[in-house]
């Protein structure tokens, strides 16, 4: 098993253990409008992955550790990620894959590695 596969599995396991039905996504689930948003709000694991991704993203772009060019690159990648995520619709496996890839990217940029 490769290191990136083990990391992805660890992320998924942590998400599964750390969530409850009461957890909310990084956005207002009362305003969920798309199949993707409903899937995230309806699934504790997806909601946790959404929270983790959002937390990593906002910490990374606001903690002062990146240059302006790096912040711009991270923001651009986040837009691409959101487009990929939204293209998944309500497909659980697609959403998990999109979130896992983005979490690994954000960790790599932050220096935490993959």
PDB file of N, CA and C in Angstrom:
ATOM      1  N   UNK A   1       0.848  -1.162   0.000  1.00  0.00           N
ATOM      2  CA  UNK A   1       0.000   0.000   0.000  1.00  0.00           C
ATOM      3  C   UNK A   1       0.901   1.234   0.000  1.00  0.00           C
ATOM      4  N   UNK A   2       0.608   2.201  -0.892  1.00  0.00           N
ATOM      5  CA  UNK A   2       1.444   3.383  -0.987  1.00  0.00           C
ATOM      6  C   UNK A   2       1.164   4.331   0.166  1.00  0.00           C
ATOM      7  N   UNK A   3       2.093   5.247   0.352  1.00  0.00           N
ATOM      8  CA  UNK A   3       1.946   6.221   1.435  1.00  0.00           C
ATOM      9  C   UNK A   3       0.722   7.100   1.217  1.00  0.00           C
ATOM     10  N   UNK A   4       0.469   7.523  -0.032  1.00  0.00           N
ATOM     11  CA  UNK A   4      -0.684   8.382  -0.299  1.00  0.00           C
ATOM     12  C   UNK A   4      -1.994   7.625  -0.078  1.00  0.00           C
ATOM     13  N   UNK A   5      -2.028   6.349  -0.372  1.00  0.00           N
ATOM     14  CA  UNK A   5      -3.224   5.546  -0.119  1.00  0.00           C
ATOM     15  C   UNK A   5      -3.456   5.422   1.381  1.00  0.00           C
ATOM     16  N   UNK A   6      -2.380   5.194   2.129  1.00  0.00           N
ATOM     17  CA  UNK A   6      -2.514   5.084   3.576  1.00  0.00           C
ATOM     18  C   UNK A   6      -2.982   6.410   4.175  1.00  0.00           C
ATOM     19  N   UNK A   7      -2.476   7.525   3.658  1.00  0.00           N
ATOM     20  CA  UNK A   7      -2.900   8.839   4.144  1.00  0.00           C
ATOM     21  C   UNK A   7      -4.377   9.049   3.860  1.00  0.00           C
ATOM     22  N   UNK A   8      -4.801   8.706   2.649  1.00  0.00           N
ATOM     23  CA  UNK A   8      -6.213   8.864   2.286  1.00  0.00           C
ATOM     24  C   UNK A   8      -7.098   8.017   3.190  1.00  0.00           C
ATOM     25  N   UNK A   9      -6.685   6.794   3.453  1.00  0.00           N
ATOM     26  CA  UNK A   9      -7.468   5.926   4.332  1.00  0.00           C
ATOM     27  C   UNK A   9      -7.498   6.468   5.758  1.00  0.00           C
ATOM     28  N   UNK A  10      -6.396   7.032   6.196  1.00  0.00           N
ATOM     29  CA  UNK A  10      -6.352   7.628   7.533  1.00  0.00           C
ATOM     30  C   UNK A  10      -7.301   8.812   7.644  1.00  0.00           C
ATOM     31  N   UNK A  11      -7.338   9.628   6.595  1.00  0.00           N
ATOM     32  CA  UNK A  11      -8.248  10.776   6.580  1.00  0.00           C
ATOM     33  C   UNK A  11      -9.689  10.294   6.657  1.00  0.00           C
ATOM     34  N   UNK A  12     -10.002   9.284   5.877  1.00  0.00           N
ATOM     35  CA  UNK A  12     -11.375   8.764   5.878  1.00  0.00           C
ATOM     36  C   UNK A  12     -11.731   8.142   7.219  1.00  0.00           C
ATOM     37  N   UNK A  13     -10.806   7.425   7.811  1.00  0.00           N
ATOM     38  CA  UNK A  13     -11.073   6.809   9.113  1.00  0.00           C
ATOM     39  C   UNK A  13     -11.279   7.876  10.180  1.00  0.00           C
ATOM     40  N   UNK A  14     -10.450   8.895  10.161  1.00  0.00           N
ATOM     41  CA  UNK A  14     -10.604   9.980  11.133  1.00  0.00           C
ATOM     42  C   UNK A  14     -11.934  10.684  10.954  1.00  0.00           C
ATOM     43  N   UNK A  15     -12.322  10.883   9.715  1.00  0.00           N
ATOM     44  CA  UNK A  15     -13.610  11.536   9.448  1.00  0.00           C
ATOM     45  C   UNK A  15     -14.759  10.690   9.965  1.00  0.00           C
ATOM     46  N   UNK A  16     -14.665   9.403   9.769  1.00  0.00           N
ATOM     47  CA  UNK A  16     -15.736   8.513  10.214  1.00  0.00           C
ATOM     48  C   UNK A  16     -15.840   8.489  11.734  1.00  0.00           C
ATOM     49  N   UNK A  17     -14.714   8.531  12.412  1.00  0.00           N
ATOM     50  CA  UNK A  17     -14.723   8.475  13.868  1.00  0.00           C
ATOM     51  C   UNK A  17     -15.098   9.805  14.508  1.00  0.00           C
ATOM     52  N   UNK A  18     -14.781  10.893  13.833  1.00  0.00           N
ATOM     53  CA  UNK A  18     -14.943  12.209  14.446  1.00  0.00           C
ATOM     54  C   UNK A  18     -16.291  12.860  14.180  1.00  0.00           C
ATOM     55  N   UNK A  19     -17.169  12.186  13.469  1.00  0.00           N
ATOM     56  CA  UNK A  19     -18.420  12.836  13.095  1.00  0.00           C
ATOM     57  C   UNK A  19     -19.604  12.244  13.820  1.00  0.00           C
ATOM     58  N   UNK A  20     -20.619  13.087  13.931  1.00  0.00           N
ATOM     59  CA  UNK A  20     -21.917  12.646  14.416  1.00  0.00           C
ATOM     60  C   UNK A  20     -22.959  13.253  13.511  1.00  0.00           C
ATOM     61  N   UNK A  21     -24.187  12.801  13.634  1.00  0.00           N
ATOM     62  CA  UNK A  21     -25.256  13.318  12.796  1.00  0.00           C
ATOM     63  C   UNK A  21     -25.487  14.802  13.034  1.00  0.00           C
ATOM     64  N   UNK A  22     -25.086  15.314  14.182  1.00  0.00           N
ATOM     65  CA  UNK A  22     -25.306  16.718  14.499  1.00  0.00           C
ATOM     66  C   UNK A  22     -24.265  17.637  13.857  1.00  0.00           C
ATOM     67  N   UNK A  23     -23.167  17.076  13.356  1.00  0.00           N
ATOM     68  CA  UNK A  23     -22.140  17.901  12.730  1.00  0.00           C
ATOM     69  C   UNK A  23     -22.700  18.580  11.495  1.00  0.00           C
ATOM     70  N   UNK A  24     -22.240  19.775  11.246  1.00  0.00           N
ATOM     71  CA  UNK A  24     -22.684  20.522  10.079  1.00  0.00           C
ATOM     72  C   UNK A  24     -21.518  20.739   9.135  1.00  0.00           C
ATOM     73  N   UNK A  25     -21.846  21.006   7.900  1.00  0.00           N
ATOM     74  CA  UNK A  25     -20.837  21.311   6.902  1.00  0.00           C
ATOM     75  C   UNK A  25     -20.310  22.726   7.125  1.00  0.00           C
ATOM     76  N   UNK A  26     -19.359  23.132   6.301  1.00  0.00           N
ATOM     77  CA  UNK A  26     -18.762  24.463   6.439  1.00  0.00           C
ATOM     78  C   UNK A  26     -19.679  25.565   5.910  1.00  0.00           C
ATOM     79  N   UNK A  27     -20.813  25.184   5.384  1.00  0.00           N
ATOM     80  CA  UNK A  27     -21.795  26.153   4.895  1.00  0.00           C
ATOM     81  C   UNK A  27     -23.124  25.879   5.592  1.00  0.00           C
ATOM     82  N   UNK A  28     -24.070  26.773   5.427  1.00  0.00           N
ATOM     83  CA  UNK A  28     -25.375  26.661   6.082  1.00  0.00           C
ATOM     84  C   UNK A  28     -26.223  25.600   5.387  1.00  0.00           C
ATOM     85  N   UNK A  29     -26.393  24.468   6.048  1.00  0.00           N
ATOM     86  CA  UNK A  29     -27.158  23.369   5.450  1.00  0.00           C
ATOM     87  C   UNK A  29     -28.635  23.727   5.266  1.00  0.00           C
ATOM     88  N   UNK A  30     -29.111  24.708   6.005  1.00  0.00           N
ATOM     89  CA  UNK A  30     -30.492  25.145   5.800  1.00  0.00           C
ATOM     90  C   UNK A  30     -30.675  25.811   4.443  1.00  0.00           C
ATOM     91  N   UNK A  31     -29.570  26.229   3.837  1.00  0.00           N
ATOM     92  CA  UNK A  31     -29.617  26.877   2.522  1.00  0.00           C
ATOM     93  C   UNK A  31     -29.070  25.979   1.418  1.00  0.00           C
ATOM     94  N   UNK A  32     -28.867  24.695   1.717  1.00  0.00           N
ATOM     95  CA  UNK A  32     -28.361  23.757   0.713  1.00  0.00           C
ATOM     96  C   UNK A  32     -29.308  23.729  -0.474  1.00  0.00           C
ATOM     97  N   UNK A  33     -28.739  23.898  -1.675  1.00  0.00           N
ATOM     98  CA  UNK A  33     -29.578  24.000  -2.865  1.00  0.00           C
ATOM     99  C   UNK A  33     -29.247  22.961  -3.931  1.00  0.00           C
ATOM    100  N   UNK A  34     -28.015  22.480  -3.945  1.00  0.00           N
ATOM    101  CA  UNK A  34     -27.598  21.563  -5.008  1.00  0.00           C
ATOM    102  C   UNK A  34     -27.555  20.135  -4.478  1.00  0.00           C
ATOM    103  N   UNK A  35     -27.560  19.152  -5.387  1.00  0.00           N
ATOM    104  CA  UNK A  35     -27.414  17.761  -4.936  1.00  0.00           C
ATOM    105  C   UNK A  35     -26.131  17.539  -4.130  1.00  0.00           C
ATOM    106  N   UNK A  36     -25.068  18.220  -4.512  1.00  0.00           N
ATOM    107  CA  UNK A  36     -23.803  18.101  -3.781  1.00  0.00           C
ATOM    108  C   UNK A  36     -23.948  18.621  -2.355  1.00  0.00           C
ATOM    109  N   UNK A  37     -24.531  19.796  -2.209  1.00  0.00           N
ATOM    110  CA  UNK A  37     -24.710  20.370  -0.879  1.00  0.00           C
ATOM    111  C   UNK A  37     -25.615  19.504  -0.014  1.00  0.00           C
ATOM    112  N   UNK A  38     -26.670  18.972  -0.590  1.00  0.00           N
ATOM    113  CA  UNK A  38     -27.557  18.087   0.177  1.00  0.00           C
ATOM    114  C   UNK A  38     -26.823  16.813   0.598  1.00  0.00           C
ATOM    115  N   UNK A  39     -26.022  16.256  -0.309  1.00  0.00           N
ATOM    116  CA  UNK A  39     -25.269  15.042   0.021  1.00  0.00           C
ATOM    117  C   UNK A  39     -24.309  15.308   1.178  1.00  0.00           C
ATOM    118  N   UNK A  40     -23.640  16.448   1.161  1.00  0.00           N
ATOM    119  CA  UNK A  40     -22.697  16.804   2.229  1.00  0.00           C
ATOM    120  C   UNK A  40     -23.438  16.983   3.548  1.00  0.00           C
ATOM    121  N   UNK A  41     -24.565  17.668   3.506  1.00  0.00           N
ATOM    122  CA  UNK A  41     -25.327  17.918   4.729  1.00  0.00           C
ATOM    123  C   UNK A  41     -25.973  16.653   5.283  1.00  0.00           C
ATOM    124  N   UNK A  42     -26.306  15.727   4.410  1.00  0.00           N
ATOM    125  CA  UNK A  42     -26.999  14.506   4.825  1.00  0.00           C
ATOM    126  C   UNK A  42     -26.061  13.393   5.282  1.00  0.00           C
ATOM    127  N   UNK A  43     -24.756  13.565   5.083  1.00  0.00           N
ATOM    128  CA  UNK A  43     -23.812  12.501   5.400  1.00  0.00           C
ATOM    129  C   UNK A  43     -22.750  13.030   6.360  1.00  0.00           C
ATOM    130  N   UNK A  44     -22.688  12.511   7.575  1.00  0.00           N
ATOM    131  CA  UNK A  44     -21.721  13.011   8.562  1.00  0.00           C
ATOM    132  C   UNK A  44     -20.265  12.923   8.106  1.00  0.00           C
ATOM    133  N   UNK A  45     -19.908  11.881   7.358  1.00  0.00           N
ATOM    134  CA  UNK A  45     -18.523  11.748   6.905  1.00  0.00           C
ATOM    135  C   UNK A  45     -18.189  12.835   5.880  1.00  0.00           C
ATOM    136  N   UNK A  46     -19.114  13.078   4.953  1.00  0.00           N
ATOM    137  CA  UNK A  46     -18.871  14.128   3.965  1.00  0.00           C
ATOM    138  C   UNK A  46     -18.842  15.500   4.626  1.00  0.00           C
ATOM    139  N   UNK A  47     -19.715  15.702   5.588  1.00  0.00           N
ATOM    140  CA  UNK A  47     -19.740  16.962   6.310  1.00  0.00           C
ATOM    141  C   UNK A  47     -18.416  17.192   7.038  1.00  0.00           C
ATOM    142  N   UNK A  48     -17.881  16.153   7.630  1.00  0.00           N
ATOM    143  CA  UNK A  48     -16.600  16.264   8.321  1.00  0.00           C
ATOM    144  C   UNK A  48     -15.468  16.572   7.340  1.00  0.00           C
ATOM    145  N   UNK A  49     -15.467  15.910   6.197  1.00  0.00           N
ATOM    146  CA  UNK A  49     -14.453  16.196   5.185  1.00  0.00           C
ATOM    147  C   UNK A  49     -14.566  17.642   4.705  1.00  0.00           C
ATOM    148  N   UNK A  50     -15.792  18.125   4.567  1.00  0.00           N
ATOM    149  CA  UNK A  50     -16.007  19.508   4.162  1.00  0.00           C
ATOM    150  C   UNK A  50     -15.445  20.463   5.220  1.00  0.00           C
ATOM    151  N   UNK A  51     -15.726  20.175   6.479  1.00  0.00           N
ATOM    152  CA  UNK A  51     -15.200  21.000   7.571  1.00  0.00           C
ATOM    153  C   UNK A  51     -13.675  20.986   7.595  1.00  0.00           C
ATOM    154  N   UNK A  52     -13.091  19.813   7.441  1.00  0.00           N
ATOM    155  CA  UNK A  52     -11.629  19.694   7.465  1.00  0.00           C
ATOM    156  C   UNK A  52     -11.007  20.490   6.322  1.00  0.00           C
ATOM    157  N   UNK A  53     -11.575  20.346   5.135  1.00  0.00           N
ATOM    158  CA  UNK A  53     -11.046  21.043   3.971  1.00  0.00           C
ATOM    159  C   UNK A  53     -11.145  22.547   4.156  1.00  0.00           C
ATOM    160  N   UNK A  54     -12.291  22.995   4.601  1.00  0.00           N
ATOM    161  CA  UNK A  54     -12.499  24.422   4.827  1.00  0.00           C
ATOM    162  C   UNK A  54     -11.536  24.956   5.877  1.00  0.00           C
ATOM    163  N   UNK A  55     -11.381  24.236   6.974  1.00  0.00           N
ATOM    164  CA  UNK A  55     -10.476  24.662   8.036  1.00  0.00           C
ATOM    165  C   UNK A  55      -9.037  24.753   7.565  1.00  0.00           C
ATOM    166  N   UNK A  56      -8.590  23.730   6.858  1.00  0.00           N
ATOM    167  CA  UNK A  56      -7.223  23.745   6.327  1.00  0.00           C
ATOM    168  C   UNK A  56      -7.031  24.910   5.367  1.00  0.00           C
ATOM    169  N   UNK A  57      -7.989  25.111   4.481  1.00  0.00           N
ATOM    170  CA  UNK A  57      -7.902  26.179   3.487  1.00  0.00           C
ATOM    171  C   UNK A  57      -7.800  27.546   4.156  1.00  0.00           C
ATOM    172  N   UNK A  58      -8.742  27.855   5.038  1.00  0.00           N
ATOM    173  CA  UNK A  58      -8.748  29.176   5.657  1.00  0.00           C
ATOM    174  C   UNK A  58      -7.535  29.399   6.563  1.00  0.00           C
ATOM    175  N   UNK A  59      -7.081  28.379   7.244  1.00  0.00           N
ATOM    176  CA  UNK A  59      -5.876  28.506   8.062  1.00  0.00           C
ATOM    177  C   UNK A  59      -4.674  28.793   7.175  1.00  0.00           C
ATOM    178  N   UNK A  60      -4.573  28.061   6.087  1.00  0.00           N
ATOM    179  CA  UNK A  60      -3.424  28.194   5.198  1.00  0.00           C
ATOM    180  C   UNK A  60      -3.346  29.574   4.553  1.00  0.00           C
ATOM    181  N   UNK A  61      -4.473  30.106   4.106  1.00  0.00           N
ATOM    182  CA  UNK A  61      -4.416  31.398   3.408  1.00  0.00           C
ATOM    183  C   UNK A  61      -4.356  32.589   4.360  1.00  0.00           C
ATOM    184  N   UNK A  62      -4.608  32.348   5.643  1.00  0.00           N
ATOM    185  CA  UNK A  62      -4.652  33.483   6.563  1.00  0.00           C
ATOM    186  C   UNK A  62      -3.558  33.489   7.625  1.00  0.00           C
ATOM    187  N   UNK A  63      -2.742  32.445   7.696  1.00  0.00           N
ATOM    188  CA  UNK A  63      -1.774  32.385   8.800  1.00  0.00           C
ATOM    189  C   UNK A  63      -0.455  33.100   8.519  1.00  0.00           C
ATOM    190  N   UNK A  64      -0.297  33.653   7.328  1.00  0.00           N
ATOM    191  CA  UNK A  64       0.898  34.428   7.021  1.00  0.00           C
ATOM    192  C   UNK A  64       2.116  33.617   6.633  1.00  0.00           C
ATOM    193  N   UNK A  65       1.973  32.321   6.487  1.00  0.00           N
ATOM    194  CA  UNK A  65       3.129  31.494   6.159  1.00  0.00           C
ATOM    195  C   UNK A  65       3.413  31.409   4.661  1.00  0.00           C
ATOM    196  N   UNK A  66       2.474  31.866   3.837  1.00  0.00           N
ATOM    197  CA  UNK A  66       2.637  31.784   2.385  1.00  0.00           C
ATOM    198  C   UNK A  66       2.880  33.155   1.786  1.00  0.00           C
ATOM    199  N   UNK A  67       3.575  33.172   0.665  1.00  0.00           N
ATOM    200  CA  UNK A  67       3.734  34.415  -0.084  1.00  0.00           C
ATOM    201  C   UNK A  67       2.407  34.748  -0.759  1.00  0.00           C
ATOM    202  N   UNK A  68       2.294  35.968  -1.249  1.00  0.00           N
ATOM    203  CA  UNK A  68       1.078  36.380  -1.956  1.00  0.00           C
ATOM    204  C   UNK A  68       0.836  35.489  -3.173  1.00  0.00           C
ATOM    205  N   UNK A  69       1.899  35.132  -3.862  1.00  0.00           N
ATOM    206  CA  UNK A  69       1.766  34.263  -5.036  1.00  0.00           C
ATOM    207  C   UNK A  69       1.263  32.876  -4.633  1.00  0.00           C
ATOM    208  N   UNK A  70       1.760  32.353  -3.518  1.00  0.00           N
ATOM    209  CA  UNK A  70       1.302  31.045  -3.045  1.00  0.00           C
ATOM    210  C   UNK A  70      -0.162  31.097  -2.613  1.00  0.00           C
ATOM    211  N   UNK A  71      -0.552  32.155  -1.935  1.00  0.00           N
ATOM    212  CA  UNK A  71      -1.952  32.311  -1.533  1.00  0.00           C
ATOM    213  C   UNK A  71      -2.833  32.337  -2.767  1.00  0.00           C
ATOM    214  N   UNK A  72      -2.413  33.056  -3.787  1.00  0.00           N
ATOM    215  CA  UNK A  72      -3.167  33.124  -5.038  1.00  0.00           C
ATOM    216  C   UNK A  72      -3.302  31.742  -5.670  1.00  0.00           C
ATOM    217  N   UNK A  73      -2.222  30.963  -5.636  1.00  0.00           N
ATOM    218  CA  UNK A  73      -2.247  29.614  -6.202  1.00  0.00           C
ATOM    219  C   UNK A  73      -3.190  28.712  -5.403  1.00  0.00           C
ATOM    220  N   UNK A  74      -3.160  28.815  -4.088  1.00  0.00           N
ATOM    221  CA  UNK A  74      -4.040  28.001  -3.241  1.00  0.00           C
ATOM    222  C   UNK A  74      -5.500  28.369  -3.498  1.00  0.00           C
ATOM    223  N   UNK A  75      -5.764  29.664  -3.617  1.00  0.00           N
ATOM    224  CA  UNK A  75      -7.132  30.095  -3.898  1.00  0.00           C
ATOM    225  C   UNK A  75      -7.604  29.582  -5.252  1.00  0.00           C
ATOM    226  N   UNK A  76      -6.743  29.626  -6.227  1.00  0.00           N
ATOM    227  CA  UNK A  76      -7.080  29.119  -7.565  1.00  0.00           C
ATOM    228  C   UNK A  76      -7.373  27.618  -7.513  1.00  0.00           C
ATOM    229  N   UNK A  77      -6.549  26.877  -6.772  1.00  0.00           N
ATOM    230  CA  UNK A  77      -6.768  25.435  -6.627  1.00  0.00           C
ATOM    231  C   UNK A  77      -8.074  25.156  -5.891  1.00  0.00           C
ATOM    232  N   UNK A  78      -8.421  25.992  -4.920  1.00  0.00           N
ATOM    233  CA  UNK A  78      -9.677  25.803  -4.177  1.00  0.00           C
ATOM    234  C   UNK A  78     -10.877  25.986  -5.106  1.00  0.00           C
ATOM    235  N   UNK A  79     -10.807  26.944  -6.017  1.00  0.00           N
ATOM    236  CA  UNK A  79     -11.884  27.146  -6.987  1.00  0.00           C
ATOM    237  C   UNK A  79     -12.025  25.905  -7.862  1.00  0.00           C
ATOM    238  N   UNK A  80     -10.890  25.366  -8.322  1.00  0.00           N
ATOM    239  CA  UNK A  80     -10.921  24.142  -9.138  1.00  0.00           C
ATOM    240  C   UNK A  80     -11.505  22.979  -8.338  1.00  0.00           C
ATOM    241  N   UNK A  81     -11.087  22.866  -7.083  1.00  0.00           N
ATOM    242  CA  UNK A  81     -11.623  21.807  -6.231  1.00  0.00           C
ATOM    243  C   UNK A  81     -13.141  21.929  -6.103  1.00  0.00           C
ATOM    244  N   UNK A  82     -13.630  23.129  -5.837  1.00  0.00           N
ATOM    245  CA  UNK A  82     -15.080  23.313  -5.680  1.00  0.00           C
ATOM    246  C   UNK A  82     -15.828  22.959  -6.962  1.00  0.00           C
ATOM    247  N   UNK A  83     -15.248  23.266  -8.109  1.00  0.00           N
ATOM    248  CA  UNK A  83     -15.861  22.887  -9.378  1.00  0.00           C
ATOM    249  C   UNK A  83     -15.898  21.364  -9.519  1.00  0.00           C
ATOM    250  N   UNK A  84     -14.789  20.701  -9.170  1.00  0.00           N
ATOM    251  CA  UNK A  84     -14.735  19.237  -9.235  1.00  0.00           C
ATOM    252  C   UNK A  84     -15.724  18.629  -8.249  1.00  0.00           C
ATOM    253  N   UNK A  85     -15.740  19.155  -7.040  1.00  0.00           N
ATOM    254  CA  UNK A  85     -16.664  18.658  -6.019  1.00  0.00           C
ATOM    255  C   UNK A  85     -18.103  18.796  -6.485  1.00  0.00           C
ATOM    256  N   UNK A  86     -18.456  19.955  -6.986  1.00  0.00           N
ATOM    257  CA  UNK A  86     -19.832  20.194  -7.410  1.00  0.00           C
ATOM    258  C   UNK A  86     -20.222  19.339  -8.613  1.00  0.00           C
ATOM    259  N   UNK A  87     -19.252  18.991  -9.442  1.00  0.00           N
ATOM    260  CA  UNK A  87     -19.523  18.118 -10.590  1.00  0.00           C
ATOM    261  C   UNK A  87     -19.861  16.696 -10.146  1.00  0.00           C
ATOM    262  N   UNK A  88     -19.520  16.351  -8.918  1.00  0.00           N
ATOM    263  CA  UNK A  88     -19.820  15.012  -8.390  1.00  0.00           C
ATOM    264  C   UNK A  88     -21.312  14.809  -8.147  1.00  0.00           C
ATOM    265  N   UNK A  89     -22.049  15.896  -8.001  1.00  0.00           N
ATOM    266  CA  UNK A  89     -23.451  15.752  -7.620  1.00  0.00           C
ATOM    267  C   UNK A  89     -23.516  15.084  -6.259  1.00  0.00           C
ATOM    268  N   UNK A  90     -24.344  14.072  -6.136  1.00  0.00           N
ATOM    269  CA  UNK A  90     -24.515  13.371  -4.861  1.00  0.00           C
ATOM    270  C   UNK A  90     -23.719  12.069  -4.808  1.00  0.00           C
ATOM    271  N   UNK A  91     -22.779  11.873  -5.720  1.00  0.00           N
ATOM    272  CA  UNK A  91     -21.993  10.639  -5.775  1.00  0.00           C
ATOM    273  C   UNK A  91     -20.985  10.617  -4.626  1.00  0.00           C
ATOM    274  N   UNK A  92     -21.253   9.766  -3.647  1.00  0.00           N
ATOM    275  CA  UNK A  92     -20.445   9.687  -2.430  1.00  0.00           C
ATOM    276  C   UNK A  92     -18.969   9.432  -2.737  1.00  0.00           C
ATOM    277  N   UNK A  93     -18.676   8.423  -3.542  1.00  0.00           N
ATOM    278  CA  UNK A  93     -17.279   8.069  -3.824  1.00  0.00           C
ATOM    279  C   UNK A  93     -16.550   9.199  -4.528  1.00  0.00           C
ATOM    280  N   UNK A  94     -17.217   9.854  -5.435  1.00  0.00           N
ATOM    281  CA  UNK A  94     -16.631  10.997  -6.139  1.00  0.00           C
ATOM    282  C   UNK A  94     -16.329  12.123  -5.160  1.00  0.00           C
ATOM    283  N   UNK A  95     -17.262  12.397  -4.260  1.00  0.00           N
ATOM    284  CA  UNK A  95     -17.067  13.461  -3.265  1.00  0.00           C
ATOM    285  C   UNK A  95     -15.914  13.134  -2.323  1.00  0.00           C
ATOM    286  N   UNK A  96     -15.853  11.909  -1.849  1.00  0.00           N
ATOM    287  CA  UNK A  96     -14.751  11.509  -0.961  1.00  0.00           C
ATOM    288  C   UNK A  96     -13.416  11.660  -1.680  1.00  0.00           C
ATOM    289  N   UNK A  97     -13.375  11.260  -2.918  1.00  0.00           N
ATOM    290  CA  UNK A  97     -12.144  11.367  -3.698  1.00  0.00           C
ATOM    291  C   UNK A  97     -11.733  12.824  -3.882  1.00  0.00           C
ATOM    292  N   UNK A  98     -12.680  13.683  -4.201  1.00  0.00           N
ATOM    293  CA  UNK A  98     -12.377  15.112  -4.390  1.00  0.00           C
ATOM    294  C   UNK A  98     -11.868  15.733  -3.090  1.00  0.00           C
ATOM    295  N   UNK A  99     -12.558  15.454  -1.991  1.00  0.00           N
ATOM    296  CA  UNK A  99     -12.129  16.005  -0.701  1.00  0.00           C
ATOM    297  C   UNK A  99     -10.761  15.469  -0.291  1.00  0.00           C
ATOM    298  N   UNK A 100     -10.540  14.185  -0.447  1.00  0.00           N
ATOM    299  CA  UNK A 100      -9.266  13.587  -0.057  1.00  0.00           C
ATOM    300  C   UNK A 100      -8.116  14.213  -0.837  1.00  0.00           C
ATOM    301  N   UNK A 101      -8.304  14.390  -2.141  1.00  0.00           N
ATOM    302  CA  UNK A 101      -7.257  14.999  -2.963  1.00  0.00           C
ATOM    303  C   UNK A 101      -6.980  16.437  -2.515  1.00  0.00           C
ATOM    304  N   UNK A 102      -8.024  17.192  -2.211  1.00  0.00           N
ATOM    305  CA  UNK A 102      -7.831  18.584  -1.791  1.00  0.00           C
ATOM    306  C   UNK A 102      -7.165  18.665  -0.419  1.00  0.00           C
ATOM    307  N   UNK A 103      -7.550  17.799   0.493  1.00  0.00           N
ATOM    308  CA  UNK A 103      -6.917  17.774   1.816  1.00  0.00           C
ATOM    309  C   UNK A 103      -5.431  17.437   1.683  1.00  0.00           C
ATOM    310  N   UNK A 104      -5.119  16.476   0.840  1.00  0.00           N
ATOM    311  CA  UNK A 104      -3.713  16.114   0.630  1.00  0.00           C
ATOM    312  C   UNK A 104      -2.939  17.285   0.012  1.00  0.00           C
ATOM    313  N   UNK A 105      -3.548  17.983  -0.940  1.00  0.00           N
ATOM    314  CA  UNK A 105      -2.913  19.150  -1.554  1.00  0.00           C
ATOM    315  C   UNK A 105      -2.650  20.231  -0.502  1.00  0.00           C
ATOM    316  N   UNK A 106      -3.666  20.560   0.274  1.00  0.00           N
ATOM    317  CA  UNK A 106      -3.518  21.620   1.292  1.00  0.00           C
ATOM    318  C   UNK A 106      -2.475  21.239   2.342  1.00  0.00           C
ATOM    319  N   UNK A 107      -2.432  19.981   2.728  1.00  0.00           N
ATOM    320  CA  UNK A 107      -1.402  19.529   3.668  1.00  0.00           C
ATOM    321  C   UNK A 107      -0.010  19.642   3.051  1.00  0.00           C
ATOM    322  N   UNK A 108       0.108  19.300   1.787  1.00  0.00           N
ATOM    323  CA  UNK A 108       1.410  19.393   1.108  1.00  0.00           C
ATOM    324  C   UNK A 108       1.887  20.847   1.055  1.00  0.00           C
ATOM    325  N   UNK A 109       0.975  21.762   0.717  1.00  0.00           N
ATOM    326  CA  UNK A 109       1.345  23.185   0.641  1.00  0.00           C
ATOM    327  C   UNK A 109       1.738  23.708   2.018  1.00  0.00           C
ATOM    328  N   UNK A 110       1.057  23.215   3.052  1.00  0.00           N
ATOM    329  CA  UNK A 110       1.346  23.691   4.405  1.00  0.00           C
ATOM    330  C   UNK A 110       2.642  23.118   4.974  1.00  0.00           C
ATOM    331  N   UNK A 111       3.199  22.133   4.276  1.00  0.00           N
ATOM    332  CA  UNK A 111       4.438  21.525   4.743  1.00  0.00           C
ATOM    333  C   UNK A 111       4.218  20.283   5.579  1.00  0.00           C
ATOM    334  N   UNK A 112       2.961  19.869   5.724  1.00  0.00           N
ATOM    335  CA  UNK A 112       2.659  18.663   6.502  1.00  0.00           C
ATOM    336  C   UNK A 112       2.856  17.409   5.674  1.00  0.00           C
ATOM    337  N   UNK A 113       3.131  17.566   4.399  1.00  0.00           N
ATOM    338  CA  UNK A 113       3.380  16.427   3.535  1.00  0.00           C
ATOM    339  C   UNK A 113       2.114  15.712   3.146  1.00  0.00           C
ATOM    340  N   UNK A 114       2.314  14.644   2.414  1.00  0.00           N
ATOM    341  CA  UNK A 114       1.174  13.866   1.963  1.00  0.00           C
ATOM    342  C   UNK A 114       1.226  12.571   2.683  1.00  0.00           C
TER     343      UNK A 114
END
